[in-house]
Amino acid sequence: MEVQRAAQRLLQLSPSVRVVTICNNDGKPIFSAHARRVKNLLSRRESKSSLQSAARAWKTRRLLQRKLGPCKYVLAEYGKVKRIVMPAGKNHLLYVTTTPAYDHNKVIRKVRSFR
């Protein structure tokens, strides 16, 4: 499956890439993979909530795109992780977490190379 290959390619980018999830526009996971050494920091419920929150925020951004242009990605940096959310086609979102020190532009460039 193409989605799984893309996720695996992102995970292989660096040991600093922790989790790759592809969800629909409602935040329902379609595919998720994490690096073997990674310990989940959030519970299943918290992860689900985070995905749904990202999807809701993305819908709001789409309302503004006529005036601002389409959103290319959103970056949130926390003390323990960076979270990158990007569109994956018209109906899906790519949700990637990395270590805070990792250069998130490497993830963005890699995703753009998939197109």
N, C-alpha and C. Protein backbone atom coordinates (compact mmCIF):
# COMPACT_ATOMS: atom_id res chain seq x y z
N MET A 1 0.85 -1.19 0.00
CA MET A 1 0.00 0.00 0.00
C MET A 1 0.89 1.25 0.00
N GLU A 2 0.54 2.21 -0.82
CA GLU A 2 1.33 3.42 -0.99
C GLU A 2 1.47 4.22 0.32
N VAL A 3 0.40 4.28 1.09
CA VAL A 3 0.41 5.02 2.35
C VAL A 3 1.43 4.42 3.32
N GLN A 4 1.44 3.11 3.41
CA GLN A 4 2.38 2.45 4.32
C GLN A 4 3.82 2.69 3.88
N ARG A 5 4.06 2.64 2.58
CA ARG A 5 5.42 2.90 2.07
C ARG A 5 5.88 4.31 2.40
N ALA A 6 4.98 5.28 2.22
CA ALA A 6 5.33 6.67 2.52
C ALA A 6 5.65 6.82 4.01
N ALA A 7 4.84 6.20 4.85
CA ALA A 7 5.09 6.28 6.30
C ALA A 7 6.43 5.64 6.66
N GLN A 8 6.71 4.50 6.08
CA GLN A 8 7.98 3.82 6.37
C GLN A 8 9.17 4.65 5.88
N ARG A 9 9.02 5.30 4.74
CA ARG A 9 10.11 6.16 4.24
C ARG A 9 10.36 7.32 5.19
N LEU A 10 9.30 7.86 5.77
CA LEU A 10 9.48 8.95 6.74
C LEU A 10 10.15 8.43 8.01
N LEU A 11 9.76 7.26 8.48
CA LEU A 11 10.38 6.70 9.68
C LEU A 11 11.86 6.40 9.45
N GLN A 12 12.21 6.03 8.23
CA GLN A 12 13.61 5.72 7.91
C GLN A 12 14.46 6.96 7.70
N LEU A 13 13.82 8.11 7.64
CA LEU A 13 14.53 9.36 7.42
C LEU A 13 15.57 9.61 8.50
N SER A 14 15.19 9.30 9.75
CA SER A 14 16.09 9.54 10.88
C SER A 14 15.56 8.83 12.12
N PRO A 15 16.45 8.48 13.03
CA PRO A 15 16.00 7.94 14.33
C PRO A 15 15.20 8.97 15.12
N SER A 16 15.28 10.23 14.72
CA SER A 16 14.55 11.29 15.42
C SER A 16 13.07 11.35 15.03
N VAL A 17 12.69 10.67 13.94
CA VAL A 17 11.28 10.61 13.57
C VAL A 17 10.64 9.54 14.45
N ARG A 18 9.65 9.96 15.23
CA ARG A 18 9.05 9.08 16.22
C ARG A 18 7.81 8.35 15.71
N VAL A 19 6.82 9.10 15.25
CA VAL A 19 5.53 8.53 14.86
C VAL A 19 5.06 9.16 13.56
N VAL A 20 4.47 8.35 12.69
CA VAL A 20 3.86 8.83 11.45
C VAL A 20 2.44 8.28 11.41
N THR A 21 1.47 9.19 11.32
CA THR A 21 0.06 8.79 11.25
C THR A 21 -0.59 9.50 10.08
N ILE A 22 -1.40 8.78 9.35
CA ILE A 22 -2.21 9.36 8.29
C ILE A 22 -3.66 9.20 8.73
N CYS A 23 -4.38 10.32 8.74
CA CYS A 23 -5.77 10.28 9.18
C CYS A 23 -6.65 10.96 8.14
N ASN A 24 -7.95 10.71 8.24
CA ASN A 24 -8.87 11.40 7.34
C ASN A 24 -9.13 12.80 7.87
N ASN A 25 -9.96 13.55 7.18
CA ASN A 25 -10.21 14.94 7.56
C ASN A 25 -10.97 15.09 8.86
N ASP A 26 -11.47 13.99 9.42
CA ASP A 26 -12.14 14.02 10.72
C ASP A 26 -11.22 13.57 11.85
N GLY A 27 -9.99 13.25 11.51
CA GLY A 27 -9.03 12.82 12.53
C GLY A 27 -9.05 11.34 12.81
N LYS A 28 -9.75 10.56 11.99
CA LYS A 28 -9.78 9.10 12.17
C LYS A 28 -8.54 8.50 11.52
N PRO A 29 -7.72 7.77 12.29
CA PRO A 29 -6.49 7.21 11.73
C PRO A 29 -6.76 6.20 10.61
N ILE A 30 -6.00 6.32 9.54
CA ILE A 30 -6.05 5.38 8.43
C ILE A 30 -4.87 4.41 8.56
N PHE A 31 -3.74 4.96 8.95
CA PHE A 31 -2.52 4.17 9.14
C PHE A 31 -1.62 4.89 10.13
N SER A 32 -0.98 4.12 10.98
CA SER A 32 -0.04 4.71 11.94
C SER A 32 1.12 3.75 12.17
N ALA A 33 2.29 4.30 12.27
CA ALA A 33 3.49 3.51 12.56
C ALA A 33 4.42 4.34 13.43
N HIS A 34 5.16 3.66 14.27
CA HIS A 34 6.12 4.37 15.10
C HIS A 34 7.44 3.61 15.10
N ALA A 35 8.49 4.36 15.37
CA ALA A 35 9.82 3.75 15.44
C ALA A 35 9.82 2.74 16.59
N ARG A 36 10.53 1.66 16.43
CA ARG A 36 10.53 0.57 17.42
C ARG A 36 10.95 1.00 18.81
N ARG A 37 11.89 1.89 18.88
CA ARG A 37 12.43 2.29 20.18
C ARG A 37 11.56 3.33 20.89
N VAL A 38 10.52 3.81 20.23
CA VAL A 38 9.71 4.90 20.76
C VAL A 38 8.69 4.41 21.77
N LYS A 39 8.63 5.11 22.87
CA LYS A 39 7.60 4.87 23.87
C LYS A 39 6.54 5.95 23.68
N ASN A 40 5.28 5.53 23.56
CA ASN A 40 4.21 6.51 23.39
C ASN A 40 4.12 7.41 24.61
N LEU A 41 4.04 8.69 24.37
CA LEU A 41 3.93 9.66 25.47
C LEU A 41 2.47 9.92 25.83
N LEU A 42 1.56 9.67 24.89
CA LEU A 42 0.14 9.90 25.10
C LEU A 42 -0.62 8.57 25.17
N SER A 43 -1.70 8.56 25.91
CA SER A 43 -2.56 7.39 25.92
C SER A 43 -3.30 7.31 24.59
N ARG A 44 -3.98 6.21 24.33
CA ARG A 44 -4.76 6.08 23.10
C ARG A 44 -5.81 7.18 23.02
N ARG A 45 -6.46 7.45 24.12
CA ARG A 45 -7.49 8.49 24.16
C ARG A 45 -6.89 9.86 23.85
N GLU A 46 -5.75 10.15 24.43
CA GLU A 46 -5.09 11.44 24.19
C GLU A 46 -4.61 11.55 22.74
N SER A 47 -4.10 10.46 22.19
CA SER A 47 -3.67 10.46 20.79
C SER A 47 -4.86 10.71 19.86
N LYS A 48 -5.96 10.05 20.14
CA LYS A 48 -7.18 10.24 19.34
C LYS A 48 -7.64 11.69 19.42
N SER A 49 -7.63 12.24 20.61
CA SER A 49 -8.04 13.63 20.80
C SER A 49 -7.12 14.59 20.06
N SER A 50 -5.83 14.33 20.09
CA SER A 50 -4.86 15.17 19.39
C SER A 50 -5.09 15.15 17.88
N LEU A 51 -5.35 13.97 17.32
CA LEU A 51 -5.63 13.85 15.89
C LEU A 51 -6.91 14.60 15.52
N GLN A 52 -7.94 14.44 16.34
CA GLN A 52 -9.21 15.12 16.06
C GLN A 52 -9.04 16.63 16.15
N SER A 53 -8.27 17.09 17.11
CA SER A 53 -8.01 18.52 17.26
C SER A 53 -7.26 19.07 16.04
N ALA A 54 -6.27 18.32 15.57
CA ALA A 54 -5.51 18.74 14.39
C ALA A 54 -6.43 18.80 13.17
N ALA A 55 -7.33 17.84 13.04
CA ALA A 55 -8.25 17.82 11.90
C ALA A 55 -9.23 19.00 11.96
N ARG A 56 -9.75 19.30 13.15
CA ARG A 56 -10.65 20.45 13.29
C ARG A 56 -9.93 21.75 12.93
N ALA A 57 -8.71 21.90 13.41
CA ALA A 57 -7.94 23.10 13.12
C ALA A 57 -7.66 23.21 11.62
N TRP A 58 -7.42 22.07 10.97
CA TRP A 58 -7.14 22.08 9.55
C TRP A 58 -8.37 22.53 8.77
N LYS A 59 -9.56 22.11 9.21
CA LYS A 59 -10.80 22.54 8.56
C LYS A 59 -10.94 24.07 8.66
N THR A 60 -10.58 24.62 9.80
CA THR A 60 -10.64 26.07 9.97
C THR A 60 -9.66 26.76 9.03
N ARG A 61 -8.49 26.21 8.88
CA ARG A 61 -7.50 26.79 7.96
C ARG A 61 -8.00 26.78 6.53
N ARG A 62 -8.72 25.74 6.17
CA ARG A 62 -9.26 25.66 4.80
C ARG A 62 -10.26 26.79 4.53
N LEU A 63 -10.96 27.21 5.57
CA LEU A 63 -11.90 28.32 5.40
C LEU A 63 -11.18 29.62 5.05
N LEU A 64 -9.95 29.73 5.45
CA LEU A 64 -9.17 30.95 5.23
C LEU A 64 -8.31 30.90 3.96
N GLN A 65 -8.24 29.77 3.33
CA GLN A 65 -7.29 29.62 2.23
C GLN A 65 -7.61 30.49 1.03
N ARG A 66 -8.86 30.87 0.83
CA ARG A 66 -9.19 31.74 -0.30
C ARG A 66 -8.47 33.09 -0.15
N LYS A 67 -8.33 33.54 1.09
CA LYS A 67 -7.68 34.83 1.32
C LYS A 67 -6.18 34.69 1.57
N LEU A 68 -5.77 33.62 2.23
CA LEU A 68 -4.37 33.46 2.62
C LEU A 68 -3.57 32.52 1.72
N GLY A 69 -4.27 31.71 0.97
CA GLY A 69 -3.62 30.65 0.22
C GLY A 69 -3.68 29.37 1.05
N PRO A 70 -3.46 28.24 0.42
CA PRO A 70 -3.55 26.98 1.16
C PRO A 70 -2.43 26.83 2.19
N CYS A 71 -2.78 26.28 3.33
CA CYS A 71 -1.80 26.01 4.38
C CYS A 71 -0.91 24.86 3.93
N LYS A 72 0.38 25.01 4.09
CA LYS A 72 1.33 23.99 3.66
C LYS A 72 1.67 23.01 4.77
N TYR A 73 1.80 23.50 5.98
CA TYR A 73 2.03 22.64 7.14
C TYR A 73 1.85 23.47 8.40
N VAL A 74 1.71 22.75 9.51
CA VAL A 74 1.62 23.39 10.82
C VAL A 74 2.63 22.69 11.72
N LEU A 75 3.36 23.47 12.48
CA LEU A 75 4.37 22.94 13.37
C LEU A 75 4.05 23.34 14.80
N ALA A 76 4.07 22.37 15.68
CA ALA A 76 3.93 22.64 17.11
C ALA A 76 5.15 22.02 17.79
N GLU A 77 5.84 22.81 18.59
CA GLU A 77 7.01 22.29 19.30
C GLU A 77 6.71 22.27 20.78
N TYR A 78 6.85 21.11 21.37
CA TYR A 78 6.65 20.91 22.80
C TYR A 78 8.00 20.62 23.43
N GLY A 79 8.03 20.45 24.71
CA GLY A 79 9.29 20.14 25.38
C GLY A 79 9.88 18.80 24.97
N LYS A 80 9.00 17.82 24.65
CA LYS A 80 9.48 16.47 24.36
C LYS A 80 9.36 16.06 22.90
N VAL A 81 8.55 16.76 22.12
CA VAL A 81 8.36 16.40 20.71
C VAL A 81 8.04 17.63 19.87
N LYS A 82 8.24 17.46 18.56
CA LYS A 82 7.72 18.39 17.56
C LYS A 82 6.62 17.63 16.84
N ARG A 83 5.55 18.35 16.51
CA ARG A 83 4.45 17.75 15.75
C ARG A 83 4.27 18.53 14.45
N ILE A 84 4.30 17.83 13.34
CA ILE A 84 4.14 18.44 12.03
C ILE A 84 2.87 17.87 11.42
N VAL A 85 1.96 18.74 10.99
CA VAL A 85 0.73 18.30 10.32
C VAL A 85 0.72 18.91 8.93
N MET A 86 0.50 18.06 7.94
CA MET A 86 0.50 18.49 6.53
C MET A 86 -0.65 17.81 5.81
N PRO A 87 -1.12 18.43 4.73
CA PRO A 87 -2.13 17.73 3.93
C PRO A 87 -1.50 16.54 3.22
N ALA A 88 -2.29 15.49 3.09
CA ALA A 88 -1.89 14.32 2.32
C ALA A 88 -3.00 14.09 1.30
N GLY A 89 -2.96 14.85 0.23
CA GLY A 89 -4.05 14.85 -0.73
C GLY A 89 -5.18 15.73 -0.22
N LYS A 90 -6.35 15.59 -0.80
CA LYS A 90 -7.48 16.44 -0.42
C LYS A 90 -8.24 15.90 0.79
N ASN A 91 -8.13 14.61 1.06
CA ASN A 91 -8.98 14.00 2.07
C ASN A 91 -8.25 13.45 3.28
N HIS A 92 -6.94 13.69 3.35
CA HIS A 92 -6.18 13.11 4.45
C HIS A 92 -5.15 14.11 4.99
N LEU A 93 -4.74 13.85 6.21
CA LEU A 93 -3.69 14.63 6.86
C LEU A 93 -2.56 13.70 7.26
N LEU A 94 -1.36 14.22 7.18
CA LEU A 94 -0.17 13.52 7.64
C LEU A 94 0.24 14.15 8.96
N TYR A 95 0.41 13.34 9.97
CA TYR A 95 0.70 13.77 11.33
C TYR A 95 2.00 13.09 11.73
N VAL A 96 3.06 13.86 11.89
CA VAL A 96 4.38 13.30 12.18
C VAL A 96 4.93 13.91 13.45
N THR A 97 5.50 13.08 14.32
CA THR A 97 6.19 13.63 15.48
C THR A 97 7.66 13.26 15.40
N THR A 98 8.49 14.19 15.87
CA THR A 98 9.93 14.00 15.90
C THR A 98 10.45 14.45 17.26
N THR A 99 11.73 14.23 17.47
CA THR A 99 12.35 14.80 18.66
C THR A 99 12.41 16.32 18.48
N PRO A 100 12.47 17.09 19.57
CA PRO A 100 12.47 18.55 19.44
C PRO A 100 13.66 19.11 18.67
N ALA A 101 14.81 18.48 18.75
CA ALA A 101 16.01 19.01 18.11
C ALA A 101 16.07 18.72 16.61
N TYR A 102 15.22 17.82 16.13
CA TYR A 102 15.28 17.42 14.73
C TYR A 102 14.83 18.55 13.81
N ASP A 103 15.51 18.69 12.69
CA ASP A 103 15.17 19.71 11.69
C ASP A 103 13.89 19.28 10.96
N HIS A 104 12.78 19.88 11.31
CA HIS A 104 11.49 19.50 10.74
C HIS A 104 11.42 19.75 9.24
N ASN A 105 12.27 20.60 8.71
CA ASN A 105 12.29 20.85 7.27
C ASN A 105 12.66 19.60 6.48
N LYS A 106 13.39 18.70 7.10
CA LYS A 106 13.73 17.44 6.42
C LYS A 106 12.48 16.60 6.18
N VAL A 107 11.57 16.59 7.15
CA VAL A 107 10.31 15.87 6.99
C VAL A 107 9.48 16.54 5.89
N ILE A 108 9.40 17.85 5.93
CA ILE A 108 8.61 18.60 4.96
C ILE A 108 9.13 18.38 3.54
N ARG A 109 10.44 18.45 3.37
CA ARG A 109 11.03 18.22 2.04
C ARG A 109 10.76 16.79 1.56
N LYS A 110 10.86 15.83 2.46
CA LYS A 110 10.63 14.43 2.09
C LYS A 110 9.19 14.24 1.64
N VAL A 111 8.24 14.79 2.39
CA VAL A 111 6.82 14.65 2.02
C VAL A 111 6.56 15.31 0.68
N ARG A 112 7.13 16.46 0.45
CA ARG A 112 6.94 17.14 -0.83
C ARG A 112 7.52 16.34 -1.99
N SER A 113 8.55 15.55 -1.72
CA SER A 113 9.15 14.73 -2.78
C SER A 113 8.22 13.57 -3.19
N PHE A 114 7.23 13.25 -2.36
CA PHE A 114 6.29 12.17 -2.68
C PHE A 114 5.32 12.58 -3.77
N ARG A 115 5.11 13.86 -3.95
CA ARG A 115 4.09 14.33 -4.89
C ARG A 115 4.51 14.17 -6.32
